[in-house]
């Protein structure tokens, strides 16, 4: 496999730093790092971004996530391994990633669940993690970046 082109963030270096800064902006705002990585992984699975699926799976494994949890992120609804707060974060990741799939992508019910588990900073951290990974996924998918060939 070969990518279509050099990664756009290397062609436009200012984009690399801007995306890195944005991607990290939600860290340390009360959402566990593992939860942020899980939402990045889940969005990447939905978007079919092999680069990011590989990267975020490896990050979670390196940080000590159990195989059971890691292997079932894509099937979190049917898995006993996630807390209620993690389930809400994963549901939000799916809703925001699939924003065009329904008229009201983030329902009032889902948003109420988000607010039950996360304060405004935490909700912001989740939204930043989800939206930033979607940018990376779309850049990688459009240019057919190859898993294992580079790291951001």
N, C-alpha and C. Protein backbone atom coordinates (compact mmCIF):
# COMPACT_ATOMS: atom_id res chain seq x y z
N UNK A 1 0.83 -1.18 0.00
CA UNK A 1 0.00 0.00 0.00
C UNK A 1 0.88 1.24 0.00
N UNK A 2 0.43 2.20 -0.72
CA UNK A 2 1.13 3.47 -0.78
C UNK A 2 0.13 4.61 -0.56
N UNK A 3 0.52 5.64 0.21
CA UNK A 3 -0.37 6.78 0.35
C UNK A 3 -0.46 7.55 -0.97
N UNK A 4 -1.55 8.29 -1.12
CA UNK A 4 -1.74 9.09 -2.33
C UNK A 4 -0.76 10.25 -2.43
N UNK A 5 -0.37 10.74 -1.28
CA UNK A 5 0.52 11.91 -1.23
C UNK A 5 1.16 11.95 0.14
N UNK A 6 2.10 12.83 0.31
CA UNK A 6 2.64 13.08 1.65
C UNK A 6 1.50 13.55 2.53
N UNK A 7 1.60 13.28 3.80
CA UNK A 7 0.52 13.71 4.69
C UNK A 7 0.40 15.24 4.64
N UNK A 8 -0.82 15.75 4.54
CA UNK A 8 -1.02 17.19 4.44
C UNK A 8 -0.38 18.00 5.57
N UNK A 9 -0.28 17.45 6.77
CA UNK A 9 0.33 18.22 7.85
C UNK A 9 1.84 18.37 7.67
N UNK A 10 2.45 17.54 6.83
CA UNK A 10 3.87 17.70 6.51
C UNK A 10 4.05 18.63 5.31
N UNK A 11 3.04 18.71 4.48
CA UNK A 11 3.07 19.65 3.36
C UNK A 11 2.80 21.07 3.88
N UNK A 12 1.93 21.18 4.87
CA UNK A 12 1.58 22.47 5.48
C UNK A 12 1.95 22.37 6.97
N UNK A 13 3.21 22.61 7.31
CA UNK A 13 3.69 22.39 8.67
C UNK A 13 2.91 23.15 9.75
N UNK A 14 2.37 24.30 9.44
CA UNK A 14 1.60 25.04 10.44
C UNK A 14 0.38 24.23 10.88
N UNK A 15 -0.15 23.41 9.99
CA UNK A 15 -1.30 22.57 10.33
C UNK A 15 -0.92 21.50 11.35
N UNK A 16 0.28 20.97 11.25
CA UNK A 16 0.72 19.94 12.19
C UNK A 16 0.69 20.47 13.62
N UNK A 17 1.30 21.61 13.84
CA UNK A 17 1.33 22.16 15.21
C UNK A 17 -0.05 22.56 15.68
N UNK A 18 -0.84 23.15 14.79
CA UNK A 18 -2.19 23.55 15.16
C UNK A 18 -3.04 22.35 15.54
N UNK A 19 -2.98 21.28 14.75
CA UNK A 19 -3.76 20.08 15.07
C UNK A 19 -3.25 19.39 16.32
N UNK A 20 -1.95 19.35 16.51
CA UNK A 20 -1.41 18.77 17.75
C UNK A 20 -1.89 19.55 18.96
N UNK A 21 -1.81 20.88 18.88
CA UNK A 21 -2.25 21.72 20.00
C UNK A 21 -3.74 21.52 20.27
N UNK A 22 -4.55 21.52 19.23
CA UNK A 22 -5.99 21.33 19.41
C UNK A 22 -6.27 19.94 19.98
N UNK A 23 -5.62 18.93 19.46
CA UNK A 23 -5.84 17.57 19.93
C UNK A 23 -5.52 17.40 21.41
N UNK A 24 -4.55 18.14 21.89
CA UNK A 24 -4.13 18.03 23.29
C UNK A 24 -4.84 19.00 24.23
N UNK A 25 -5.60 19.92 23.68
CA UNK A 25 -6.21 20.99 24.47
C UNK A 25 -7.15 20.48 25.55
N UNK A 26 -7.79 19.34 25.35
CA UNK A 26 -8.74 18.82 26.31
C UNK A 26 -8.13 17.96 27.40
N UNK A 27 -6.84 17.71 27.32
CA UNK A 27 -6.18 16.87 28.32
C UNK A 27 -6.09 17.59 29.66
N UNK A 28 -6.24 16.85 30.73
CA UNK A 28 -6.10 17.42 32.06
C UNK A 28 -7.30 18.21 32.53
N UNK A 29 -8.45 18.01 31.90
CA UNK A 29 -9.64 18.76 32.27
C UNK A 29 -10.68 17.91 32.99
N UNK A 30 -10.23 16.82 33.60
CA UNK A 30 -11.11 16.01 34.42
C UNK A 30 -11.61 14.73 33.79
N UNK A 31 -11.33 14.52 32.51
CA UNK A 31 -11.71 13.27 31.86
C UNK A 31 -10.47 12.37 31.87
N UNK A 32 -10.61 11.14 32.35
CA UNK A 32 -9.44 10.26 32.37
C UNK A 32 -8.81 10.12 30.98
N UNK A 33 -7.49 10.09 30.95
CA UNK A 33 -6.77 9.96 29.68
C UNK A 33 -7.22 8.71 28.93
N UNK A 34 -7.51 7.64 29.64
CA UNK A 34 -7.96 6.41 28.99
C UNK A 34 -9.29 6.63 28.28
N UNK A 35 -10.18 7.38 28.87
CA UNK A 35 -11.47 7.67 28.23
C UNK A 35 -11.26 8.49 26.96
N UNK A 36 -10.40 9.48 27.02
CA UNK A 36 -10.12 10.27 25.82
C UNK A 36 -9.54 9.40 24.71
N UNK A 37 -8.64 8.48 25.07
CA UNK A 37 -8.08 7.57 24.06
C UNK A 37 -9.14 6.64 23.50
N UNK A 38 -10.06 6.19 24.36
CA UNK A 38 -11.13 5.30 23.88
C UNK A 38 -12.03 6.01 22.88
N UNK A 39 -12.36 7.28 23.12
CA UNK A 39 -13.23 7.97 22.15
C UNK A 39 -12.47 8.21 20.85
N UNK A 40 -11.17 8.44 20.94
CA UNK A 40 -10.37 8.58 19.71
C UNK A 40 -10.35 7.26 18.94
N UNK A 41 -10.19 6.17 19.66
CA UNK A 41 -10.20 4.86 19.02
C UNK A 41 -11.56 4.57 18.38
N UNK A 42 -12.63 4.84 19.11
CA UNK A 42 -13.96 4.51 18.59
C UNK A 42 -14.28 5.32 17.33
N UNK A 43 -13.99 6.61 17.34
CA UNK A 43 -14.22 7.43 16.14
C UNK A 43 -13.38 6.92 14.98
N UNK A 44 -12.15 6.54 15.25
CA UNK A 44 -11.26 6.03 14.21
C UNK A 44 -11.77 4.72 13.64
N UNK A 45 -12.34 3.87 14.49
CA UNK A 45 -12.93 2.62 14.00
C UNK A 45 -14.09 2.93 13.05
N UNK A 46 -14.95 3.85 13.45
CA UNK A 46 -16.10 4.22 12.62
C UNK A 46 -15.63 4.77 11.28
N UNK A 47 -14.61 5.60 11.31
CA UNK A 47 -14.12 6.25 10.10
C UNK A 47 -13.19 5.37 9.27
N UNK A 48 -12.85 4.19 9.77
CA UNK A 48 -11.98 3.29 9.03
C UNK A 48 -10.58 3.81 8.85
N UNK A 49 -10.08 4.53 9.84
CA UNK A 49 -8.74 5.10 9.76
C UNK A 49 -7.74 4.14 10.41
N UNK A 50 -7.06 3.34 9.59
CA UNK A 50 -6.15 2.33 10.11
C UNK A 50 -4.99 2.94 10.90
N UNK A 51 -4.51 4.09 10.46
CA UNK A 51 -3.41 4.76 11.15
C UNK A 51 -3.82 5.06 12.60
N UNK A 52 -4.99 5.65 12.77
CA UNK A 52 -5.43 6.06 14.10
C UNK A 52 -5.92 4.88 14.94
N UNK A 53 -6.54 3.88 14.31
CA UNK A 53 -6.94 2.68 15.06
C UNK A 53 -5.70 2.03 15.64
N UNK A 54 -4.67 1.89 14.83
CA UNK A 54 -3.42 1.28 15.30
C UNK A 54 -2.81 2.13 16.42
N UNK A 55 -2.72 3.43 16.20
CA UNK A 55 -2.06 4.32 17.16
C UNK A 55 -2.78 4.34 18.51
N UNK A 56 -4.09 4.51 18.49
CA UNK A 56 -4.81 4.64 19.75
C UNK A 56 -4.98 3.30 20.46
N UNK A 57 -5.04 2.21 19.71
CA UNK A 57 -5.03 0.88 20.33
C UNK A 57 -3.69 0.66 21.04
N UNK A 58 -2.61 0.99 20.36
CA UNK A 58 -1.27 0.84 20.95
C UNK A 58 -1.12 1.72 22.19
N UNK A 59 -1.63 2.95 22.11
CA UNK A 59 -1.54 3.85 23.27
C UNK A 59 -2.29 3.26 24.46
N UNK A 60 -3.50 2.75 24.21
CA UNK A 60 -4.29 2.16 25.30
C UNK A 60 -3.61 0.93 25.87
N UNK A 61 -3.05 0.11 25.04
CA UNK A 61 -2.34 -1.10 25.49
C UNK A 61 -1.12 -0.70 26.32
N UNK A 62 -0.38 0.29 25.83
CA UNK A 62 0.82 0.76 26.53
C UNK A 62 0.48 1.32 27.92
N UNK A 63 -0.68 1.94 28.02
CA UNK A 63 -1.12 2.52 29.29
C UNK A 63 -1.77 1.48 30.21
N UNK A 64 -1.81 0.22 29.76
CA UNK A 64 -2.27 -0.85 30.63
C UNK A 64 -3.71 -1.28 30.48
N UNK A 65 -4.40 -0.86 29.43
CA UNK A 65 -5.77 -1.30 29.24
C UNK A 65 -5.79 -2.81 29.03
N UNK A 66 -6.75 -3.47 29.64
CA UNK A 66 -6.87 -4.92 29.48
C UNK A 66 -7.27 -5.27 28.06
N UNK A 67 -6.90 -6.48 27.65
CA UNK A 67 -7.28 -6.95 26.33
C UNK A 67 -8.80 -6.97 26.18
N UNK A 68 -9.50 -7.38 27.22
CA UNK A 68 -10.96 -7.46 27.15
C UNK A 68 -11.58 -6.10 26.82
N UNK A 69 -11.11 -5.07 27.49
CA UNK A 69 -11.63 -3.72 27.21
C UNK A 69 -11.22 -3.25 25.82
N UNK A 70 -9.96 -3.42 25.49
CA UNK A 70 -9.46 -2.96 24.20
C UNK A 70 -10.18 -3.65 23.04
N UNK A 71 -10.35 -4.95 23.15
CA UNK A 71 -10.97 -5.71 22.06
C UNK A 71 -12.45 -5.41 21.90
N UNK A 72 -13.08 -4.84 22.92
CA UNK A 72 -14.53 -4.63 22.83
C UNK A 72 -14.94 -3.17 22.74
N UNK A 73 -14.01 -2.28 22.51
CA UNK A 73 -14.38 -0.87 22.35
C UNK A 73 -15.42 -0.71 21.24
N UNK A 74 -15.25 -1.42 20.14
CA UNK A 74 -16.19 -1.29 19.02
C UNK A 74 -17.57 -1.84 19.36
N UNK A 75 -17.64 -2.69 20.37
CA UNK A 75 -18.91 -3.31 20.77
C UNK A 75 -19.25 -2.95 22.22
N UNK A 76 -18.96 -1.73 22.60
CA UNK A 76 -19.10 -1.31 23.99
C UNK A 76 -20.51 -1.49 24.53
N UNK A 77 -21.52 -1.38 23.70
CA UNK A 77 -22.91 -1.52 24.18
C UNK A 77 -23.18 -2.92 24.72
N UNK A 78 -22.51 -3.92 24.16
CA UNK A 78 -22.75 -5.31 24.52
C UNK A 78 -21.63 -5.88 25.37
N UNK A 79 -20.84 -5.03 25.96
CA UNK A 79 -19.70 -5.47 26.75
C UNK A 79 -19.85 -5.01 28.20
N UNK A 80 -19.48 -5.86 29.15
CA UNK A 80 -19.60 -5.48 30.56
C UNK A 80 -18.41 -4.70 31.11
N UNK A 81 -17.46 -4.36 30.26
CA UNK A 81 -16.18 -3.84 30.73
C UNK A 81 -16.08 -2.32 30.87
N UNK A 82 -17.17 -1.59 30.65
CA UNK A 82 -17.10 -0.13 30.64
C UNK A 82 -18.02 0.47 31.70
N UNK A 83 -17.57 1.57 32.29
CA UNK A 83 -18.37 2.28 33.27
C UNK A 83 -19.47 3.07 32.56
N UNK A 84 -20.44 3.54 33.33
CA UNK A 84 -21.49 4.37 32.75
C UNK A 84 -20.92 5.63 32.11
N UNK A 85 -19.95 6.25 32.77
CA UNK A 85 -19.33 7.47 32.21
C UNK A 85 -18.61 7.17 30.90
N UNK A 86 -17.91 6.04 30.83
CA UNK A 86 -17.23 5.67 29.59
C UNK A 86 -18.24 5.38 28.48
N UNK A 87 -19.35 4.75 28.83
CA UNK A 87 -20.38 4.45 27.84
C UNK A 87 -20.96 5.74 27.25
N UNK A 88 -21.19 6.72 28.09
CA UNK A 88 -21.70 8.00 27.61
C UNK A 88 -20.68 8.66 26.69
N UNK A 89 -19.41 8.60 27.07
CA UNK A 89 -18.36 9.19 26.24
C UNK A 89 -18.28 8.49 24.88
N UNK A 90 -18.38 7.17 24.88
CA UNK A 90 -18.34 6.42 23.62
C UNK A 90 -19.58 6.70 22.77
N UNK A 91 -20.74 6.83 23.41
CA UNK A 91 -21.95 7.16 22.66
C UNK A 91 -21.84 8.56 22.05
N UNK A 92 -21.28 9.50 22.80
CA UNK A 92 -21.08 10.84 22.27
C UNK A 92 -20.11 10.80 21.10
N UNK A 93 -19.06 10.01 21.22
CA UNK A 93 -18.09 9.88 20.12
C UNK A 93 -18.77 9.38 18.86
N UNK A 94 -19.64 8.39 19.01
CA UNK A 94 -20.35 7.87 17.85
C UNK A 94 -21.29 8.92 17.25
N UNK A 95 -22.02 9.61 18.10
CA UNK A 95 -22.98 10.61 17.62
C UNK A 95 -22.29 11.75 16.89
N UNK A 96 -21.21 12.26 17.46
CA UNK A 96 -20.51 13.39 16.84
C UNK A 96 -19.78 12.95 15.57
N UNK A 97 -19.27 11.75 15.57
CA UNK A 97 -18.59 11.23 14.37
C UNK A 97 -19.58 11.01 13.24
N UNK A 98 -20.79 10.61 13.58
CA UNK A 98 -21.82 10.35 12.57
C UNK A 98 -22.82 11.50 12.49
N UNK A 99 -22.36 12.70 12.62
CA UNK A 99 -23.21 13.88 12.72
C UNK A 99 -24.21 14.01 11.57
N UNK A 100 -23.88 13.55 10.40
CA UNK A 100 -24.78 13.69 9.24
C UNK A 100 -25.81 12.57 9.15
N UNK A 101 -25.74 11.60 10.02
CA UNK A 101 -26.63 10.44 9.92
C UNK A 101 -28.04 10.68 10.45
N UNK A 102 -28.25 11.75 11.20
CA UNK A 102 -29.59 12.03 11.70
C UNK A 102 -29.77 13.54 11.87
N UNK A 103 -31.01 13.95 11.91
CA UNK A 103 -31.33 15.37 12.00
C UNK A 103 -30.84 16.02 13.28
N UNK A 104 -30.91 15.30 14.38
CA UNK A 104 -30.46 15.80 15.68
C UNK A 104 -29.34 14.87 16.15
N UNK A 105 -28.11 15.13 15.71
CA UNK A 105 -27.03 14.18 15.94
C UNK A 105 -26.75 13.90 17.42
N UNK A 106 -26.86 14.91 18.25
CA UNK A 106 -26.67 14.72 19.70
C UNK A 106 -28.00 15.05 20.35
N UNK A 107 -28.74 14.02 20.66
CA UNK A 107 -30.09 14.20 21.21
C UNK A 107 -30.03 14.87 22.59
N UNK A 108 -31.14 15.44 22.98
CA UNK A 108 -31.23 16.03 24.32
C UNK A 108 -31.00 14.97 25.39
N UNK A 109 -31.48 13.77 25.14
CA UNK A 109 -31.30 12.68 26.10
C UNK A 109 -29.82 12.33 26.26
N UNK A 110 -29.10 12.22 25.14
CA UNK A 110 -27.66 11.96 25.22
C UNK A 110 -26.95 13.10 25.92
N UNK A 111 -27.31 14.33 25.58
CA UNK A 111 -26.64 15.47 26.21
C UNK A 111 -26.90 15.49 27.72
N UNK A 112 -28.10 15.14 28.14
CA UNK A 112 -28.40 15.06 29.58
C UNK A 112 -27.53 14.00 30.24
N UNK A 113 -27.30 12.88 29.55
CA UNK A 113 -26.42 11.84 30.08
C UNK A 113 -24.98 12.35 30.19
N UNK A 114 -24.54 13.08 29.18
CA UNK A 114 -23.20 13.67 29.22
C UNK A 114 -23.09 14.57 30.45
N UNK A 115 -24.08 15.42 30.67
CA UNK A 115 -24.05 16.35 31.80
C UNK A 115 -24.12 15.65 33.16
N UNK A 116 -24.72 14.47 33.21
CA UNK A 116 -24.75 13.70 34.46
C UNK A 116 -23.37 13.19 34.86
N UNK A 117 -22.53 12.97 33.86
CA UNK A 117 -21.22 12.37 34.13
C UNK A 117 -20.05 13.34 34.01
N UNK A 118 -20.23 14.43 33.29
CA UNK A 118 -19.12 15.35 33.03
C UNK A 118 -19.57 16.78 33.23
N UNK A 119 -18.71 17.57 33.86
CA UNK A 119 -18.99 18.99 33.98
C UNK A 119 -18.68 19.66 32.64
N UNK A 120 -18.81 20.98 32.58
CA UNK A 120 -18.63 21.68 31.31
C UNK A 120 -17.21 21.50 30.76
N UNK A 121 -16.22 21.51 31.63
CA UNK A 121 -14.84 21.29 31.16
C UNK A 121 -14.68 19.88 30.62
N UNK A 122 -15.24 18.90 31.32
CA UNK A 122 -15.14 17.52 30.87
C UNK A 122 -15.85 17.30 29.54
N UNK A 123 -17.04 17.87 29.40
CA UNK A 123 -17.77 17.76 28.14
C UNK A 123 -16.98 18.43 27.02
N UNK A 124 -16.37 19.55 27.32
CA UNK A 124 -15.54 20.24 26.33
C UNK A 124 -14.34 19.39 25.94
N UNK A 125 -13.71 18.76 26.93
CA UNK A 125 -12.57 17.89 26.66
C UNK A 125 -12.97 16.74 25.73
N UNK A 126 -14.12 16.14 26.01
CA UNK A 126 -14.60 15.06 25.15
C UNK A 126 -14.86 15.55 23.73
N UNK A 127 -15.54 16.68 23.60
CA UNK A 127 -15.84 17.21 22.27
C UNK A 127 -14.58 17.56 21.49
N UNK A 128 -13.59 18.11 22.17
CA UNK A 128 -12.33 18.43 21.51
C UNK A 128 -11.63 17.15 21.07
N UNK A 129 -11.60 16.13 21.92
CA UNK A 129 -10.98 14.86 21.54
C UNK A 129 -11.69 14.24 20.35
N UNK A 130 -13.00 14.26 20.36
CA UNK A 130 -13.79 13.65 19.29
C UNK A 130 -13.63 14.42 17.98
N UNK A 131 -13.76 15.73 18.04
CA UNK A 131 -13.67 16.51 16.80
C UNK A 131 -12.25 16.52 16.24
N UNK A 132 -11.26 16.54 17.10
CA UNK A 132 -9.88 16.54 16.59
C UNK A 132 -9.54 15.22 15.93
N UNK A 133 -9.95 14.10 16.52
CA UNK A 133 -9.63 12.82 15.89
C UNK A 133 -10.36 12.67 14.57
N UNK A 134 -11.55 13.25 14.47
CA UNK A 134 -12.26 13.20 13.19
C UNK A 134 -11.50 13.96 12.10
N UNK A 135 -10.84 15.05 12.45
CA UNK A 135 -10.01 15.76 11.46
C UNK A 135 -8.86 14.86 11.02
N UNK A 136 -8.15 14.28 11.98
CA UNK A 136 -7.05 13.38 11.64
C UNK A 136 -7.54 12.22 10.78
N UNK A 137 -8.66 11.61 11.16
CA UNK A 137 -9.21 10.48 10.40
C UNK A 137 -9.49 10.88 8.96
N UNK A 138 -10.08 12.04 8.77
CA UNK A 138 -10.45 12.46 7.43
C UNK A 138 -9.22 12.79 6.57
N UNK A 139 -8.23 13.39 7.17
CA UNK A 139 -6.98 13.64 6.43
C UNK A 139 -6.33 12.31 6.02
N UNK A 140 -6.29 11.37 6.97
CA UNK A 140 -5.66 10.08 6.69
C UNK A 140 -6.43 9.28 5.64
N UNK A 141 -7.76 9.27 5.76
CA UNK A 141 -8.58 8.50 4.82
C UNK A 141 -8.51 9.10 3.42
N UNK A 142 -8.58 10.40 3.32
CA UNK A 142 -8.58 11.05 2.01
C UNK A 142 -7.27 10.82 1.26
N UNK A 143 -6.18 10.75 2.00
CA UNK A 143 -4.87 10.59 1.37
C UNK A 143 -4.34 9.16 1.47
N UNK A 144 -5.18 8.26 2.01
CA UNK A 144 -4.84 6.84 2.16
C UNK A 144 -3.51 6.61 2.86
N UNK A 145 -3.37 7.26 4.00
CA UNK A 145 -2.16 7.04 4.79
C UNK A 145 -2.14 5.59 5.27
N UNK A 146 -0.96 5.04 5.39
CA UNK A 146 -0.78 3.62 5.70
C UNK A 146 -0.41 3.45 7.16
N UNK A 147 -1.14 2.58 7.85
CA UNK A 147 -0.84 2.29 9.25
C UNK A 147 0.62 1.81 9.36
N UNK A 148 1.30 2.34 10.39
CA UNK A 148 2.68 1.93 10.64
C UNK A 148 3.72 2.70 9.85
N UNK A 149 3.30 3.47 8.86
CA UNK A 149 4.25 4.17 8.00
C UNK A 149 4.73 5.49 8.56
N UNK A 150 3.95 6.08 9.47
CA UNK A 150 4.33 7.38 10.05
C UNK A 150 3.61 7.54 11.38
N UNK A 151 4.03 8.50 12.14
CA UNK A 151 3.31 8.82 13.38
C UNK A 151 3.30 10.32 13.55
N UNK A 152 2.18 10.81 14.09
CA UNK A 152 2.03 12.26 14.29
C UNK A 152 2.32 12.64 15.71
